[in-house]
Amino acid sequence: MGLDEKELLFITITRLVPEKLIEKQIDQFRTIHNEGFRFRVLFIGGLNDDYYQRLQKYTQNDHYIMVLPSKNSDEIRRYFSAADFGFWH
């Protein structure tokens, strides 16, 4: 993932659907990032294709935020092993 040793990694596993208001979470991470904190955020989950495309566009300039499709359990374990914080939504 190319993490700097001083960066934290946040992971959220959720269904990526409009009702979850993922943009609000992204906005909160942007605010924290703009205050000088360095981290990466992964949003991983089942997809609503239109919403996934919307989130991809919404985060296209945020190199520290990634939106990924669902992963199998082995991949999820690997991501969580690398994470400093994990959230279920």
N, C-alpha and C. Protein backbone atom coordinates (compact mmCIF):
# COMPACT_ATOMS: atom_id res chain seq x y z
N MET A 1 0.82 -1.20 0.00
CA MET A 1 0.00 0.00 0.00
C MET A 1 0.85 1.26 0.00
N GLY A 2 2.12 1.11 0.20
CA GLY A 2 3.00 2.26 0.15
C GLY A 2 2.85 3.21 1.32
N LEU A 3 2.60 2.67 2.50
CA LEU A 3 2.43 3.52 3.68
C LEU A 3 3.77 3.99 4.22
N ASP A 4 3.81 5.24 4.60
CA ASP A 4 4.94 5.79 5.33
C ASP A 4 4.80 5.29 6.76
N GLU A 5 5.90 5.04 7.44
CA GLU A 5 5.80 4.49 8.81
C GLU A 5 5.10 5.44 9.77
N LYS A 6 4.99 6.71 9.43
CA LYS A 6 4.30 7.67 10.30
C LYS A 6 2.81 7.81 9.95
N GLU A 7 2.37 7.16 8.90
CA GLU A 7 0.96 7.23 8.50
C GLU A 7 0.15 6.14 9.21
N LEU A 8 -1.05 6.51 9.62
CA LEU A 8 -1.99 5.55 10.16
C LEU A 8 -2.86 5.04 9.02
N LEU A 9 -3.39 3.83 9.19
CA LEU A 9 -4.30 3.26 8.20
C LEU A 9 -5.64 2.98 8.86
N PHE A 10 -6.69 3.59 8.30
CA PHE A 10 -8.07 3.37 8.72
C PHE A 10 -8.75 2.52 7.67
N ILE A 11 -9.53 1.54 8.10
CA ILE A 11 -10.28 0.70 7.17
C ILE A 11 -11.74 0.68 7.60
N THR A 12 -12.61 0.85 6.63
CA THR A 12 -14.05 0.73 6.86
C THR A 12 -14.58 -0.34 5.93
N ILE A 13 -15.25 -1.33 6.51
CA ILE A 13 -15.91 -2.39 5.74
C ILE A 13 -17.40 -2.11 5.81
N THR A 14 -18.04 -1.94 4.66
CA THR A 14 -19.46 -1.61 4.65
C THR A 14 -20.06 -1.85 3.27
N ARG A 15 -21.36 -1.84 3.19
CA ARG A 15 -22.00 -1.79 1.88
C ARG A 15 -21.85 -0.36 1.38
N LEU A 16 -21.36 -0.19 0.19
CA LEU A 16 -21.19 1.15 -0.36
C LEU A 16 -22.48 1.55 -1.08
N VAL A 17 -23.39 2.10 -0.30
CA VAL A 17 -24.70 2.51 -0.81
C VAL A 17 -24.97 3.94 -0.33
N PRO A 18 -25.77 4.70 -1.08
CA PRO A 18 -26.02 6.11 -0.73
C PRO A 18 -26.56 6.32 0.68
N GLU A 19 -27.35 5.37 1.19
CA GLU A 19 -27.93 5.53 2.53
C GLU A 19 -26.88 5.63 3.62
N LYS A 20 -25.68 5.14 3.36
CA LYS A 20 -24.61 5.16 4.37
C LYS A 20 -23.91 6.51 4.46
N LEU A 21 -24.17 7.39 3.49
CA LEU A 21 -23.60 8.74 3.49
C LEU A 21 -22.07 8.72 3.63
N ILE A 22 -21.44 7.90 2.83
CA ILE A 22 -19.98 7.77 2.87
C ILE A 22 -19.29 9.11 2.62
N GLU A 23 -19.92 9.97 1.81
CA GLU A 23 -19.32 11.28 1.54
C GLU A 23 -19.10 12.08 2.83
N LYS A 24 -20.00 11.95 3.79
CA LYS A 24 -19.83 12.66 5.06
C LYS A 24 -18.60 12.15 5.81
N GLN A 25 -18.37 10.84 5.77
CA GLN A 25 -17.17 10.29 6.40
C GLN A 25 -15.92 10.78 5.67
N ILE A 26 -15.99 10.79 4.35
CA ILE A 26 -14.86 11.28 3.55
C ILE A 26 -14.58 12.74 3.91
N ASP A 27 -15.62 13.55 4.03
CA ASP A 27 -15.44 14.96 4.40
C ASP A 27 -14.76 15.10 5.75
N GLN A 28 -15.13 14.25 6.70
CA GLN A 28 -14.49 14.31 8.02
C GLN A 28 -13.01 13.94 7.93
N PHE A 29 -12.69 12.91 7.15
CA PHE A 29 -11.28 12.55 6.97
C PHE A 29 -10.53 13.67 6.26
N ARG A 30 -11.15 14.34 5.31
CA ARG A 30 -10.51 15.47 4.63
C ARG A 30 -10.17 16.58 5.62
N THR A 31 -11.13 16.89 6.50
CA THR A 31 -10.90 17.94 7.50
C THR A 31 -9.69 17.61 8.36
N ILE A 32 -9.64 16.38 8.84
CA ILE A 32 -8.52 15.95 9.68
C ILE A 32 -7.21 16.00 8.89
N HIS A 33 -7.24 15.54 7.65
CA HIS A 33 -6.05 15.55 6.80
C HIS A 33 -5.57 16.98 6.55
N ASN A 34 -6.49 17.88 6.32
CA ASN A 34 -6.13 19.29 6.06
C ASN A 34 -5.54 19.98 7.27
N GLU A 35 -5.73 19.39 8.45
CA GLU A 35 -5.12 19.94 9.66
C GLU A 35 -3.72 19.39 9.91
N GLY A 36 -3.23 18.58 8.96
CA GLY A 36 -1.85 18.14 9.03
C GLY A 36 -1.62 16.70 9.46
N PHE A 37 -2.68 15.99 9.76
CA PHE A 37 -2.52 14.59 10.14
C PHE A 37 -2.32 13.75 8.89
N ARG A 38 -1.44 12.78 8.95
CA ARG A 38 -1.13 11.93 7.80
C ARG A 38 -1.63 10.52 8.03
N PHE A 39 -2.44 10.05 7.10
CA PHE A 39 -3.03 8.72 7.20
C PHE A 39 -3.54 8.30 5.84
N ARG A 40 -3.98 7.06 5.75
CA ARG A 40 -4.68 6.53 4.57
C ARG A 40 -6.00 5.96 5.05
N VAL A 41 -6.99 5.97 4.17
CA VAL A 41 -8.31 5.43 4.48
C VAL A 41 -8.72 4.49 3.35
N LEU A 42 -9.19 3.32 3.72
CA LEU A 42 -9.74 2.37 2.76
C LEU A 42 -11.21 2.15 3.08
N PHE A 43 -12.06 2.35 2.10
CA PHE A 43 -13.46 1.98 2.20
C PHE A 43 -13.62 0.74 1.33
N ILE A 44 -13.99 -0.37 1.94
CA ILE A 44 -14.12 -1.63 1.21
C ILE A 44 -15.54 -2.13 1.39
N GLY A 45 -16.17 -2.51 0.28
CA GLY A 45 -17.51 -3.05 0.46
C GLY A 45 -18.24 -3.40 -0.81
N GLY A 46 -19.40 -4.02 -0.58
CA GLY A 46 -20.30 -4.35 -1.67
C GLY A 46 -20.73 -3.09 -2.37
N LEU A 47 -20.94 -3.21 -3.65
CA LEU A 47 -21.09 -2.01 -4.45
C LEU A 47 -22.47 -1.81 -5.06
N ASN A 48 -22.86 -0.59 -5.06
CA ASN A 48 -23.91 -0.08 -5.92
C ASN A 48 -23.10 0.63 -7.01
N ASP A 49 -23.10 0.11 -8.24
CA ASP A 49 -22.20 0.60 -9.29
C ASP A 49 -22.24 2.11 -9.48
N ASP A 50 -23.44 2.69 -9.51
CA ASP A 50 -23.55 4.13 -9.69
C ASP A 50 -22.92 4.89 -8.53
N TYR A 51 -23.18 4.42 -7.32
CA TYR A 51 -22.62 5.08 -6.14
C TYR A 51 -21.11 4.88 -6.07
N TYR A 52 -20.64 3.71 -6.43
CA TYR A 52 -19.20 3.45 -6.47
C TYR A 52 -18.52 4.45 -7.40
N GLN A 53 -19.07 4.65 -8.58
CA GLN A 53 -18.51 5.61 -9.54
C GLN A 53 -18.55 7.03 -8.95
N ARG A 54 -19.62 7.35 -8.27
CA ARG A 54 -19.74 8.67 -7.63
C ARG A 54 -18.65 8.86 -6.57
N LEU A 55 -18.42 7.82 -5.76
CA LEU A 55 -17.37 7.90 -4.73
C LEU A 55 -15.98 7.98 -5.35
N GLN A 56 -15.77 7.24 -6.43
CA GLN A 56 -14.47 7.30 -7.12
C GLN A 56 -14.21 8.73 -7.60
N LYS A 57 -15.21 9.35 -8.18
CA LYS A 57 -15.06 10.72 -8.66
C LYS A 57 -14.88 11.69 -7.49
N TYR A 58 -15.63 11.46 -6.42
CA TYR A 58 -15.59 12.33 -5.23
C TYR A 58 -14.21 12.32 -4.57
N THR A 59 -13.49 11.20 -4.68
CA THR A 59 -12.19 11.07 -4.02
C THR A 59 -11.01 11.10 -4.99
N GLN A 60 -11.25 11.43 -6.26
CA GLN A 60 -10.20 11.32 -7.26
C GLN A 60 -8.97 12.19 -6.95
N ASN A 61 -9.12 13.26 -6.22
CA ASN A 61 -7.97 14.12 -5.87
C ASN A 61 -7.42 13.86 -4.48
N ASP A 62 -7.98 12.88 -3.80
CA ASP A 62 -7.55 12.55 -2.44
C ASP A 62 -6.70 11.28 -2.48
N HIS A 63 -5.40 11.43 -2.65
CA HIS A 63 -4.51 10.28 -2.78
C HIS A 63 -4.51 9.37 -1.56
N TYR A 64 -4.96 9.86 -0.44
CA TYR A 64 -4.94 9.11 0.82
C TYR A 64 -6.25 8.37 1.08
N ILE A 65 -7.23 8.49 0.18
CA ILE A 65 -8.52 7.81 0.34
C ILE A 65 -8.71 6.86 -0.85
N MET A 66 -9.00 5.59 -0.53
CA MET A 66 -9.26 4.61 -1.58
C MET A 66 -10.61 3.94 -1.34
N VAL A 67 -11.36 3.76 -2.41
CA VAL A 67 -12.64 3.06 -2.36
C VAL A 67 -12.46 1.79 -3.17
N LEU A 68 -12.62 0.65 -2.51
CA LEU A 68 -12.36 -0.64 -3.14
C LEU A 68 -13.61 -1.53 -3.12
N PRO A 69 -13.75 -2.38 -4.13
CA PRO A 69 -14.88 -3.33 -4.12
C PRO A 69 -14.69 -4.39 -3.05
N SER A 70 -15.71 -5.19 -2.84
CA SER A 70 -15.64 -6.29 -1.85
C SER A 70 -14.41 -7.15 -2.08
N LYS A 71 -13.90 -7.68 -1.00
CA LYS A 71 -12.73 -8.56 -1.04
C LYS A 71 -13.10 -9.87 -0.37
N ASN A 72 -12.35 -10.92 -0.70
CA ASN A 72 -12.59 -12.20 -0.02
C ASN A 72 -12.03 -12.14 1.39
N SER A 73 -12.35 -13.11 2.21
CA SER A 73 -11.98 -13.07 3.63
C SER A 73 -10.46 -13.04 3.84
N ASP A 74 -9.70 -13.72 2.99
CA ASP A 74 -8.23 -13.68 3.13
C ASP A 74 -7.69 -12.28 2.87
N GLU A 75 -8.22 -11.63 1.85
CA GLU A 75 -7.78 -10.26 1.55
C GLU A 75 -8.19 -9.30 2.67
N ILE A 76 -9.40 -9.49 3.19
CA ILE A 76 -9.86 -8.64 4.29
C ILE A 76 -8.92 -8.79 5.49
N ARG A 77 -8.55 -10.02 5.83
CA ARG A 77 -7.62 -10.24 6.94
C ARG A 77 -6.30 -9.52 6.71
N ARG A 78 -5.81 -9.56 5.48
CA ARG A 78 -4.54 -8.91 5.15
C ARG A 78 -4.65 -7.40 5.35
N TYR A 79 -5.76 -6.82 4.90
CA TYR A 79 -5.96 -5.38 5.09
C TYR A 79 -6.06 -5.04 6.58
N PHE A 80 -6.83 -5.83 7.32
CA PHE A 80 -6.97 -5.55 8.75
C PHE A 80 -5.65 -5.75 9.50
N SER A 81 -4.84 -6.66 9.07
CA SER A 81 -3.53 -6.85 9.70
C SER A 81 -2.65 -5.61 9.54
N ALA A 82 -2.81 -4.93 8.43
CA ALA A 82 -2.03 -3.72 8.16
C ALA A 82 -2.63 -2.47 8.81
N ALA A 83 -3.91 -2.55 9.22
CA ALA A 83 -4.62 -1.37 9.70
C ALA A 83 -4.30 -1.03 11.15
N ASP A 84 -4.39 0.25 11.43
CA ASP A 84 -4.29 0.74 12.80
C ASP A 84 -5.67 0.84 13.44
N PHE A 85 -6.69 1.12 12.62
CA PHE A 85 -8.07 1.24 13.08
C PHE A 85 -8.99 0.61 12.06
N GLY A 86 -10.01 -0.09 12.55
CA GLY A 86 -11.00 -0.69 11.65
C GLY A 86 -12.40 -0.31 12.12
N PHE A 87 -13.26 -0.02 11.16
CA PHE A 87 -14.64 0.38 11.45
C PHE A 87 -15.59 -0.45 10.63
N TRP A 88 -16.69 -0.84 11.23
CA TRP A 88 -17.76 -1.50 10.51
C TRP A 88 -18.91 -0.53 10.50
N HIS A 89 -19.55 -0.43 9.38
CA HIS A 89 -20.61 0.57 9.24
C HIS A 89 -21.85 -0.09 8.69
